[in-house]
Amino acid sequence: MARGSLENHLFRRTLPLPWPCRMKVVLGAAKGLAFLHVGPKPVIYRDFKTSNILIDADYNSKLSDFGLAKAGPQGDKTHVSTRVLGTYGYAAPEYVMKAT
């Protein structure tokens, strides 16, 4: 992507993103995640972090790296049984500890 990842802008020694751009990026990422969860075929993303949020030339965000994604509950089901995956440090400790 033209402007790299959100991680590069937050944690590298580059000029910080102005607040209006930051808000556009994070709102776009949140909308993308919401679409995955409530779309016609729900998807559980499982690796939501700053390095997986890519930014285009107009500061539109795109979610990337769907390697850990899983199909969400279908029909009248409300839960999906699975093991904990993702990047450690990005999951709640109590969630990770109960899943092992």
PDB file of N, CA and C in Angstrom:
ATOM      1  N   MET A   1       0.844  -1.183   0.000  1.00  0.00           N
ATOM      2  CA  MET A   1       0.000   0.000   0.000  1.00  0.00           C
ATOM      3  C   MET A   1       0.889   1.247   0.000  1.00  0.00           C
ATOM      4  N   ALA A   2       0.353   2.298  -0.526  1.00  0.00           N
ATOM      5  CA  ALA A   2       1.119   3.525  -0.747  1.00  0.00           C
ATOM      6  C   ALA A   2       1.735   4.101   0.531  1.00  0.00           C
ATOM      7  N   ARG A   3       1.028   4.036   1.636  1.00  0.00           N
ATOM      8  CA  ARG A   3       1.532   4.644   2.872  1.00  0.00           C
ATOM      9  C   ARG A   3       1.937   3.611   3.924  1.00  0.00           C
ATOM     10  N   GLY A   4       2.047   2.347   3.536  1.00  0.00           N
ATOM     11  CA  GLY A   4       2.501   1.318   4.459  1.00  0.00           C
ATOM     12  C   GLY A   4       1.443   0.920   5.474  1.00  0.00           C
ATOM     13  N   SER A   5       1.913   0.486   6.633  1.00  0.00           N
ATOM     14  CA  SER A   5       0.993   0.022   7.673  1.00  0.00           C
ATOM     15  C   SER A   5       0.832   1.077   8.762  1.00  0.00           C
ATOM     16  N   LEU A   6      -0.217   0.935   9.535  1.00  0.00           N
ATOM     17  CA  LEU A   6      -0.432   1.829  10.671  1.00  0.00           C
ATOM     18  C   LEU A   6       0.714   1.687  11.670  1.00  0.00           C
ATOM     19  N   GLU A   7       1.223   0.477  11.824  1.00  0.00           N
ATOM     20  CA  GLU A   7       2.354   0.247  12.729  1.00  0.00           C
ATOM     21  C   GLU A   7       3.531   1.151  12.370  1.00  0.00           C
ATOM     22  N   ASN A   8       3.845   1.266  11.075  1.00  0.00           N
ATOM     23  CA  ASN A   8       4.965   2.112  10.652  1.00  0.00           C
ATOM     24  C   ASN A   8       4.771   3.559  11.093  1.00  0.00           C
ATOM     25  N   HIS A   9       3.568   4.052  11.017  1.00  0.00           N
ATOM     26  CA  HIS A   9       3.310   5.448  11.378  1.00  0.00           C
ATOM     27  C   HIS A   9       3.272   5.666  12.885  1.00  0.00           C
ATOM     28  N   LEU A  10       2.912   4.664  13.645  1.00  0.00           N
ATOM     29  CA  LEU A  10       2.815   4.831  15.098  1.00  0.00           C
ATOM     30  C   LEU A  10       4.116   4.543  15.833  1.00  0.00           C
ATOM     31  N   PHE A  11       4.907   3.583  15.339  1.00  0.00           N
ATOM     32  CA  PHE A  11       6.044   3.109  16.121  1.00  0.00           C
ATOM     33  C   PHE A  11       7.406   3.297  15.467  1.00  0.00           C
ATOM     34  N   ARG A  12       7.471   3.845  14.273  1.00  0.00           N
ATOM     35  CA  ARG A  12       8.756   4.077  13.605  1.00  0.00           C
ATOM     36  C   ARG A  12       9.122   5.555  13.733  1.00  0.00           C
ATOM     37  N   ARG A  13      10.346   5.859  13.366  1.00  0.00           N
ATOM     38  CA  ARG A  13      10.813   7.247  13.458  1.00  0.00           C
ATOM     39  C   ARG A  13      10.466   8.027  12.186  1.00  0.00           C
ATOM     40  N   THR A  14       9.201   8.108  11.901  1.00  0.00           N
ATOM     41  CA  THR A  14       8.721   8.900  10.777  1.00  0.00           C
ATOM     42  C   THR A  14       7.843  10.015  11.335  1.00  0.00           C
ATOM     43  N   LEU A  15       7.475  10.926  10.476  1.00  0.00           N
ATOM     44  CA  LEU A  15       6.566  11.977  10.933  1.00  0.00           C
ATOM     45  C   LEU A  15       5.244  11.352  11.352  1.00  0.00           C
ATOM     46  N   PRO A  16       4.725  11.744  12.495  1.00  0.00           N
ATOM     47  CA  PRO A  16       3.451  11.160  12.938  1.00  0.00           C
ATOM     48  C   PRO A  16       2.301  11.599  12.030  1.00  0.00           C
ATOM     49  N   LEU A  17       1.304  10.754  11.949  1.00  0.00           N
ATOM     50  CA  LEU A  17       0.106  11.095  11.179  1.00  0.00           C
ATOM     51  C   LEU A  17      -0.651  12.205  11.894  1.00  0.00           C
ATOM     52  N   PRO A  18      -1.152  13.183  11.160  1.00  0.00           N
ATOM     53  CA  PRO A  18      -2.013  14.189  11.794  1.00  0.00           C
ATOM     54  C   PRO A  18      -3.274  13.509  12.341  1.00  0.00           C
ATOM     55  N   TRP A  19      -3.875  14.097  13.368  1.00  0.00           N
ATOM     56  CA  TRP A  19      -5.031  13.476  14.008  1.00  0.00           C
ATOM     57  C   TRP A  19      -6.189  13.195  13.064  1.00  0.00           C
ATOM     58  N   PRO A  20      -6.520  14.083  12.129  1.00  0.00           N
ATOM     59  CA  PRO A  20      -7.616  13.740  11.203  1.00  0.00           C
ATOM     60  C   PRO A  20      -7.314  12.481  10.380  1.00  0.00           C
ATOM     61  N   CYS A  21      -6.053  12.296   9.987  1.00  0.00           N
ATOM     62  CA  CYS A  21      -5.673  11.088   9.239  1.00  0.00           C
ATOM     63  C   CYS A  21      -5.741   9.855  10.132  1.00  0.00           C
ATOM     64  N   ARG A  22      -5.278   9.987  11.374  1.00  0.00           N
ATOM     65  CA  ARG A  22      -5.356   8.860  12.315  1.00  0.00           C
ATOM     66  C   ARG A  22      -6.801   8.414  12.504  1.00  0.00           C
ATOM     67  N   MET A  23      -7.674   9.383  12.684  1.00  0.00           N
ATOM     68  CA  MET A  23      -9.088   9.057  12.895  1.00  0.00           C
ATOM     69  C   MET A  23      -9.690   8.386  11.664  1.00  0.00           C
ATOM     70  N   LYS A  24      -9.331   8.861  10.474  1.00  0.00           N
ATOM     71  CA  LYS A  24      -9.845   8.249   9.250  1.00  0.00           C
ATOM     72  C   LYS A  24      -9.375   6.804   9.147  1.00  0.00           C
ATOM     73  N   VAL A  25      -8.103   6.562   9.468  1.00  0.00           N
ATOM     74  CA  VAL A  25      -7.545   5.211   9.384  1.00  0.00           C
ATOM     75  C   VAL A  25      -8.216   4.277  10.387  1.00  0.00           C
ATOM     76  N   VAL A  26      -8.317   4.683  11.650  1.00  0.00           N
ATOM     77  CA  VAL A  26      -8.872   3.771  12.659  1.00  0.00           C
ATOM     78  C   VAL A  26     -10.374   3.564  12.482  1.00  0.00           C
ATOM     79  N   LEU A  27     -11.090   4.591  12.045  1.00  0.00           N
ATOM     80  CA  LEU A  27     -12.518   4.398  11.776  1.00  0.00           C
ATOM     81  C   LEU A  27     -12.722   3.467  10.589  1.00  0.00           C
ATOM     82  N   GLY A  28     -11.875   3.592   9.577  1.00  0.00           N
ATOM     83  CA  GLY A  28     -11.960   2.683   8.431  1.00  0.00           C
ATOM     84  C   GLY A  28     -11.671   1.247   8.833  1.00  0.00           C
ATOM     85  N   ALA A  29     -10.660   1.053   9.685  1.00  0.00           N
ATOM     86  CA  ALA A  29     -10.336  -0.294  10.154  1.00  0.00           C
ATOM     87  C   ALA A  29     -11.480  -0.861  10.990  1.00  0.00           C
ATOM     88  N   ALA A  30     -12.070  -0.039  11.848  1.00  0.00           N
ATOM     89  CA  ALA A  30     -13.198  -0.495  12.672  1.00  0.00           C
ATOM     90  C   ALA A  30     -14.400  -0.857  11.808  1.00  0.00           C
ATOM     91  N   LYS A  31     -14.659  -0.064  10.777  1.00  0.00           N
ATOM     92  CA  LYS A  31     -15.774  -0.369   9.870  1.00  0.00           C
ATOM     93  C   LYS A  31     -15.515  -1.668   9.113  1.00  0.00           C
ATOM     94  N   GLY A  32     -14.260  -1.880   8.704  1.00  0.00           N
ATOM     95  CA  GLY A  32     -13.917  -3.126   8.022  1.00  0.00           C
ATOM     96  C   GLY A  32     -14.113  -4.331   8.925  1.00  0.00           C
ATOM     97  N   LEU A  33     -13.684  -4.216  10.172  1.00  0.00           N
ATOM     98  CA  LEU A  33     -13.852  -5.301  11.133  1.00  0.00           C
ATOM     99  C   LEU A  33     -15.333  -5.547  11.416  1.00  0.00           C
ATOM    100  N   ALA A  34     -16.100  -4.484  11.549  1.00  0.00           N
ATOM    101  CA  ALA A  34     -17.542  -4.631  11.779  1.00  0.00           C
ATOM    102  C   ALA A  34     -18.208  -5.321  10.592  1.00  0.00           C
ATOM    103  N   PHE A  35     -17.793  -4.968   9.377  1.00  0.00           N
ATOM    104  CA  PHE A  35     -18.363  -5.615   8.195  1.00  0.00           C
ATOM    105  C   PHE A  35     -18.083  -7.114   8.209  1.00  0.00           C
ATOM    106  N   LEU A  36     -16.855  -7.479   8.589  1.00  0.00           N
ATOM    107  CA  LEU A  36     -16.518  -8.908   8.648  1.00  0.00           C
ATOM    108  C   LEU A  36     -17.402  -9.633   9.653  1.00  0.00           C
ATOM    109  N   HIS A  37     -17.695  -9.002  10.769  1.00  0.00           N
ATOM    110  CA  HIS A  37     -18.476  -9.656  11.828  1.00  0.00           C
ATOM    111  C   HIS A  37     -19.963  -9.746  11.523  1.00  0.00           C
ATOM    112  N   VAL A  38     -20.522  -8.759  10.840  1.00  0.00           N
ATOM    113  CA  VAL A  38     -21.969  -8.741  10.633  1.00  0.00           C
ATOM    114  C   VAL A  38     -22.369  -8.875   9.168  1.00  0.00           C
ATOM    115  N   GLY A  39     -21.418  -9.127   8.296  1.00  0.00           N
ATOM    116  CA  GLY A  39     -21.720  -9.277   6.874  1.00  0.00           C
ATOM    117  C   GLY A  39     -22.535 -10.528   6.602  1.00  0.00           C
ATOM    118  N   PRO A  40     -22.851 -10.762   5.338  1.00  0.00           N
ATOM    119  CA  PRO A  40     -23.672 -11.919   4.976  1.00  0.00           C
ATOM    120  C   PRO A  40     -23.045 -13.259   5.390  1.00  0.00           C
ATOM    121  N   LYS A  41     -21.724 -13.331   5.371  1.00  0.00           N
ATOM    122  CA  LYS A  41     -21.003 -14.523   5.838  1.00  0.00           C
ATOM    123  C   LYS A  41     -19.984 -14.051   6.870  1.00  0.00           C
ATOM    124  N   PRO A  42     -20.330 -14.090   8.154  1.00  0.00           N
ATOM    125  CA  PRO A  42     -19.441 -13.557   9.191  1.00  0.00           C
ATOM    126  C   PRO A  42     -18.062 -14.214   9.179  1.00  0.00           C
ATOM    127  N   VAL A  43     -17.062 -13.399   9.449  1.00  0.00           N
ATOM    128  CA  VAL A  43     -15.672 -13.857   9.512  1.00  0.00           C
ATOM    129  C   VAL A  43     -15.089 -13.398  10.842  1.00  0.00           C
ATOM    130  N   ILE A  44     -14.392 -14.299  11.518  1.00  0.00           N
ATOM    131  CA  ILE A  44     -13.664 -13.956  12.736  1.00  0.00           C
ATOM    132  C   ILE A  44     -12.222 -13.722  12.313  1.00  0.00           C
ATOM    133  N   TYR A  45     -11.756 -12.499  12.442  1.00  0.00           N
ATOM    134  CA  TYR A  45     -10.463 -12.077  11.898  1.00  0.00           C
ATOM    135  C   TYR A  45      -9.274 -12.640  12.679  1.00  0.00           C
ATOM    136  N   ARG A  46      -9.244 -12.580  13.959  1.00  0.00           N
ATOM    137  CA  ARG A  46      -8.284 -13.193  14.884  1.00  0.00           C
ATOM    138  C   ARG A  46      -6.862 -12.652  14.859  1.00  0.00           C
ATOM    139  N   ASP A  47      -6.546 -11.621  14.099  1.00  0.00           N
ATOM    140  CA  ASP A  47      -5.187 -11.069  14.142  1.00  0.00           C
ATOM    141  C   ASP A  47      -5.224  -9.565  13.878  1.00  0.00           C
ATOM    142  N   PHE A  48      -6.062  -8.872  14.617  1.00  0.00           N
ATOM    143  CA  PHE A  48      -6.250  -7.430  14.437  1.00  0.00           C
ATOM    144  C   PHE A  48      -5.145  -6.699  15.180  1.00  0.00           C
ATOM    145  N   LYS A  49      -4.232  -6.100  14.451  1.00  0.00           N
ATOM    146  CA  LYS A  49      -3.127  -5.350  15.039  1.00  0.00           C
ATOM    147  C   LYS A  49      -2.656  -4.300  14.044  1.00  0.00           C
ATOM    148  N   THR A  50      -1.855  -3.366  14.513  1.00  0.00           N
ATOM    149  CA  THR A  50      -1.465  -2.225  13.688  1.00  0.00           C
ATOM    150  C   THR A  50      -0.692  -2.619  12.438  1.00  0.00           C
ATOM    151  N   SER A  51       0.087  -3.689  12.480  1.00  0.00           N
ATOM    152  CA  SER A  51       0.848  -4.086  11.287  1.00  0.00           C
ATOM    153  C   SER A  51      -0.041  -4.693  10.209  1.00  0.00           C
ATOM    154  N   ASN A  52      -1.259  -5.082  10.552  1.00  0.00           N
ATOM    155  CA  ASN A  52      -2.195  -5.650   9.573  1.00  0.00           C
ATOM    156  C   ASN A  52      -3.211  -4.625   9.068  1.00  0.00           C
ATOM    157  N   ILE A  53      -3.037  -3.378   9.427  1.00  0.00           N
ATOM    158  CA  ILE A  53      -3.878  -2.302   8.901  1.00  0.00           C
ATOM    159  C   ILE A  53      -3.027  -1.519   7.909  1.00  0.00           C
ATOM    160  N   LEU A  54      -3.333  -1.666   6.629  1.00  0.00           N
ATOM    161  CA  LEU A  54      -2.578  -0.985   5.581  1.00  0.00           C
ATOM    162  C   LEU A  54      -3.294   0.297   5.191  1.00  0.00           C
ATOM    163  N   ILE A  55      -2.508   1.279   4.737  1.00  0.00           N
ATOM    164  CA  ILE A  55      -3.052   2.604   4.428  1.00  0.00           C
ATOM    165  C   ILE A  55      -2.739   2.954   2.979  1.00  0.00           C
ATOM    166  N   ASP A  56      -3.775   3.343   2.222  1.00  0.00           N
ATOM    167  CA  ASP A  56      -3.544   3.722   0.823  1.00  0.00           C
ATOM    168  C   ASP A  56      -3.203   5.216   0.730  1.00  0.00           C
ATOM    169  N   ALA A  57      -3.044   5.711  -0.485  1.00  0.00           N
ATOM    170  CA  ALA A  57      -2.618   7.095  -0.711  1.00  0.00           C
ATOM    171  C   ALA A  57      -3.592   8.119  -0.141  1.00  0.00           C
ATOM    172  N   ASP A  58      -4.865   7.766  -0.033  1.00  0.00           N
ATOM    173  CA  ASP A  58      -5.882   8.683   0.492  1.00  0.00           C
ATOM    174  C   ASP A  58      -6.208   8.421   1.964  1.00  0.00           C
ATOM    175  N   TYR A  59      -5.355   7.675   2.635  1.00  0.00           N
ATOM    176  CA  TYR A  59      -5.526   7.326   4.046  1.00  0.00           C
ATOM    177  C   TYR A  59      -6.758   6.460   4.305  1.00  0.00           C
ATOM    178  N   ASN A  60      -7.130   5.666   3.321  1.00  0.00           N
ATOM    179  CA  ASN A  60      -8.167   4.652   3.530  1.00  0.00           C
ATOM    180  C   ASN A  60      -7.479   3.418   4.071  1.00  0.00           C
ATOM    181  N   SER A  61      -8.049   2.787   5.076  1.00  0.00           N
ATOM    182  CA  SER A  61      -7.419   1.606   5.658  1.00  0.00           C
ATOM    183  C   SER A  61      -7.970   0.331   5.045  1.00  0.00           C
ATOM    184  N   LYS A  62      -7.084  -0.660   4.963  1.00  0.00           N
ATOM    185  CA  LYS A  62      -7.419  -1.980   4.427  1.00  0.00           C
ATOM    186  C   LYS A  62      -6.889  -3.018   5.405  1.00  0.00           C
ATOM    187  N   LEU A  63      -7.722  -3.980   5.766  1.00  0.00           N
ATOM    188  CA  LEU A  63      -7.261  -5.067   6.627  1.00  0.00           C
ATOM    189  C   LEU A  63      -6.500  -6.067   5.775  1.00  0.00           C
ATOM    190  N   SER A  64      -5.411  -6.601   6.321  1.00  0.00           N
ATOM    191  CA  SER A  64      -4.603  -7.573   5.584  1.00  0.00           C
ATOM    192  C   SER A  64      -4.303  -8.779   6.464  1.00  0.00           C
ATOM    193  N   ASP A  65      -3.706  -9.782   5.873  1.00  0.00           N
ATOM    194  CA  ASP A  65      -3.278 -11.011   6.545  1.00  0.00           C
ATOM    195  C   ASP A  65      -4.458 -11.763   7.160  1.00  0.00           C
ATOM    196  N   PHE A  66      -5.162 -12.460   6.309  1.00  0.00           N
ATOM    197  CA  PHE A  66      -6.320 -13.244   6.739  1.00  0.00           C
ATOM    198  C   PHE A  66      -5.953 -14.708   7.003  1.00  0.00           C
ATOM    199  N   GLY A  67      -4.670 -14.976   7.237  1.00  0.00           N
ATOM    200  CA  GLY A  67      -4.218 -16.343   7.454  1.00  0.00           C
ATOM    201  C   GLY A  67      -4.840 -17.027   8.658  1.00  0.00           C
ATOM    202  N   LEU A  68      -5.199 -16.273   9.670  1.00  0.00           N
ATOM    203  CA  LEU A  68      -5.798 -16.849  10.881  1.00  0.00           C
ATOM    204  C   LEU A  68      -7.315 -16.693  10.918  1.00  0.00           C
ATOM    205  N   ALA A  69      -7.885 -16.102   9.881  1.00  0.00           N
ATOM    206  CA  ALA A  69      -9.331 -15.857   9.856  1.00  0.00           C
ATOM    207  C   ALA A  69     -10.102 -17.170   9.838  1.00  0.00           C
ATOM    208  N   LYS A  70     -11.302 -17.118  10.386  1.00  0.00           N
ATOM    209  CA  LYS A  70     -12.152 -18.304  10.454  1.00  0.00           C
ATOM    210  C   LYS A  70     -13.589 -17.888  10.169  1.00  0.00           C
ATOM    211  N   ALA A  71     -14.308 -18.761   9.502  1.00  0.00           N
ATOM    212  CA  ALA A  71     -15.721 -18.487   9.239  1.00  0.00           C
ATOM    213  C   ALA A  71     -16.460 -18.349  10.564  1.00  0.00           C
ATOM    214  N   GLY A  72     -17.318 -17.363  10.642  1.00  0.00           N
ATOM    215  CA  GLY A  72     -18.083 -17.110  11.858  1.00  0.00           C
ATOM    216  C   GLY A  72     -19.287 -18.021  11.964  1.00  0.00           C
ATOM    217  N   PRO A  73     -20.058 -17.860  13.030  1.00  0.00           N
ATOM    218  CA  PRO A  73     -21.251 -18.692  13.222  1.00  0.00           C
ATOM    219  C   PRO A  73     -22.267 -18.462  12.104  1.00  0.00           C
ATOM    220  N   GLN A  74     -22.921 -19.524  11.696  1.00  0.00           N
ATOM    221  CA  GLN A  74     -23.898 -19.466  10.606  1.00  0.00           C
ATOM    222  C   GLN A  74     -25.283 -19.839  11.123  1.00  0.00           C
ATOM    223  N   GLY A  75     -26.291 -19.310  10.476  1.00  0.00           N
ATOM    224  CA  GLY A  75     -27.665 -19.675  10.820  1.00  0.00           C
ATOM    225  C   GLY A  75     -28.031 -19.264  12.227  1.00  0.00           C
ATOM    226  N   ASP A  76     -28.597 -20.219  12.989  1.00  0.00           N
ATOM    227  CA  ASP A  76     -29.041 -19.902  14.346  1.00  0.00           C
ATOM    228  C   ASP A  76     -27.943 -20.103  15.383  1.00  0.00           C
ATOM    229  N   LYS A  77     -26.746 -20.466  14.960  1.00  0.00           N
ATOM    230  CA  LYS A  77     -25.633 -20.664  15.895  1.00  0.00           C
ATOM    231  C   LYS A  77     -25.088 -19.310  16.340  1.00  0.00           C
ATOM    232  N   THR A  78     -24.637 -19.248  17.576  1.00  0.00           N
ATOM    233  CA  THR A  78     -24.119 -17.995  18.117  1.00  0.00           C
ATOM    234  C   THR A  78     -22.644 -18.063  18.473  1.00  0.00           C
ATOM    235  N   HIS A  79     -22.044 -19.261  18.462  1.00  0.00           N
ATOM    236  CA  HIS A  79     -20.653 -19.413  18.864  1.00  0.00           C
ATOM    237  C   HIS A  79     -19.897 -20.285  17.870  1.00  0.00           C
ATOM    238  N   VAL A  80     -18.583 -20.094  17.852  1.00  0.00           N
ATOM    239  CA  VAL A  80     -17.687 -20.934  17.070  1.00  0.00           C
ATOM    240  C   VAL A  80     -16.632 -21.439  18.035  1.00  0.00           C
ATOM    241  N   SER A  81     -16.449 -22.732  18.108  1.00  0.00           N
ATOM    242  CA  SER A  81     -15.442 -23.312  18.989  1.00  0.00           C
ATOM    243  C   SER A  81     -14.118 -23.379  18.242  1.00  0.00           C
ATOM    244  N   THR A  82     -13.072 -22.873  18.869  1.00  0.00           N
ATOM    245  CA  THR A  82     -11.765 -22.847  18.224  1.00  0.00           C
ATOM    246  C   THR A  82     -10.685 -22.655  19.275  1.00  0.00           C
ATOM    247  N   ARG A  83      -9.446 -22.925  18.891  1.00  0.00           N
ATOM    248  CA  ARG A  83      -8.356 -22.633  19.803  1.00  0.00           C
ATOM    249  C   ARG A  83      -7.926 -21.186  19.628  1.00  0.00           C
ATOM    250  N   VAL A  84      -7.214 -20.680  20.610  1.00  0.00           N
ATOM    251  CA  VAL A  84      -6.748 -19.300  20.573  1.00  0.00           C
ATOM    252  C   VAL A  84      -5.615 -19.192  19.565  1.00  0.00           C
ATOM    253  N   LEU A  85      -5.735 -18.230  18.667  1.00  0.00           N
ATOM    254  CA  LEU A  85      -4.681 -17.944  17.704  1.00  0.00           C
ATOM    255  C   LEU A  85      -4.481 -16.448  17.655  1.00  0.00           C
ATOM    256  N   GLY A  86      -3.393 -16.051  17.053  1.00  0.00           N
ATOM    257  CA  GLY A  86      -3.120 -14.627  16.898  1.00  0.00           C
ATOM    258  C   GLY A  86      -1.756 -14.308  17.462  1.00  0.00           C
ATOM    259  N   THR A  87      -1.476 -13.056  17.589  1.00  0.00           N
ATOM    260  CA  THR A  87      -0.194 -12.594  18.081  1.00  0.00           C
ATOM    261  C   THR A  87      -0.296 -12.377  19.582  1.00  0.00           C
ATOM    262  N   TYR A  88       0.576 -13.032  20.353  1.00  0.00           N
ATOM    263  CA  TYR A  88       0.556 -12.843  21.798  1.00  0.00           C
ATOM    264  C   TYR A  88       0.816 -11.378  22.110  1.00  0.00           C
ATOM    265  N   GLY A  89       0.180 -10.890  23.132  1.00  0.00           N
ATOM    266  CA  GLY A  89       0.274  -9.485  23.474  1.00  0.00           C
ATOM    267  C   GLY A  89      -0.906  -8.701  22.947  1.00  0.00           C
ATOM    268  N   TYR A  90      -1.646  -9.293  22.008  1.00  0.00           N
ATOM    269  CA  TYR A  90      -2.816  -8.632  21.445  1.00  0.00           C
ATOM    270  C   TYR A  90      -4.103  -9.292  21.910  1.00  0.00           C
ATOM    271  N   ALA A  91      -4.001 -10.296  22.730  1.00  0.00           N
ATOM    272  CA  ALA A  91      -5.179 -10.979  23.259  1.00  0.00           C
ATOM    273  C   ALA A  91      -5.216 -10.771  24.770  1.00  0.00           C
ATOM    274  N   ALA A  92      -6.400 -10.729  25.316  1.00  0.00           N
ATOM    275  CA  ALA A  92      -6.549 -10.560  26.758  1.00  0.00           C
ATOM    276  C   ALA A  92      -5.883 -11.732  27.476  1.00  0.00           C
ATOM    277  N   PRO A  93      -5.064 -11.479  28.496  1.00  0.00           N
ATOM    278  CA  PRO A  93      -4.348 -12.555  29.188  1.00  0.00           C
ATOM    279  C   PRO A  93      -5.268 -13.642  29.726  1.00  0.00           C
ATOM    280  N   GLU A  94      -6.431 -13.261  30.283  1.00  0.00           N
ATOM    281  CA  GLU A  94      -7.335 -14.276  30.836  1.00  0.00           C
ATOM    282  C   GLU A  94      -7.891 -15.175  29.731  1.00  0.00           C
ATOM    283  N   TYR A  95      -8.038 -14.647  28.540  1.00  0.00           N
ATOM    284  CA  TYR A  95      -8.512 -15.439  27.400  1.00  0.00           C
ATOM    285  C   TYR A  95      -7.446 -16.444  26.977  1.00  0.00           C
ATOM    286  N   VAL A  96      -6.208 -15.983  26.889  1.00  0.00           N
ATOM    287  CA  VAL A  96      -5.111 -16.857  26.481  1.00  0.00           C
ATOM    288  C   VAL A  96      -4.868 -17.934  27.526  1.00  0.00           C
ATOM    289  N   MET A  97      -4.906 -17.594  28.812  1.00  0.00           N
ATOM    290  CA  MET A  97      -4.608 -18.559  29.869  1.00  0.00           C
ATOM    291  C   MET A  97      -5.667 -19.647  29.962  1.00  0.00           C
ATOM    292  N   LYS A  98      -6.933 -19.336  29.710  1.00  0.00           N
ATOM    293  CA  LYS A  98      -7.993 -20.340  29.769  1.00  0.00           C
ATOM    294  C   LYS A  98      -7.981 -21.253  28.558  1.00  0.00           C
ATOM    295  N   ALA A  99      -7.399 -20.814  27.471  1.00  0.00           N
ATOM    296  CA  ALA A  99      -7.465 -21.570  26.223  1.00  0.00           C
ATOM    297  C   ALA A  99      -6.351 -22.594  26.092  1.00  0.00           C
ATOM    298  N   THR A 100      -5.409 -22.623  27.013  1.00  0.00           N
ATOM    299  CA  THR A 100      -4.305 -23.579  26.882  1.00  0.00           C
ATOM    300  C   THR A 100      -4.572 -24.840  27.653  1.00  0.00           C
TER     301      THR A 100
END
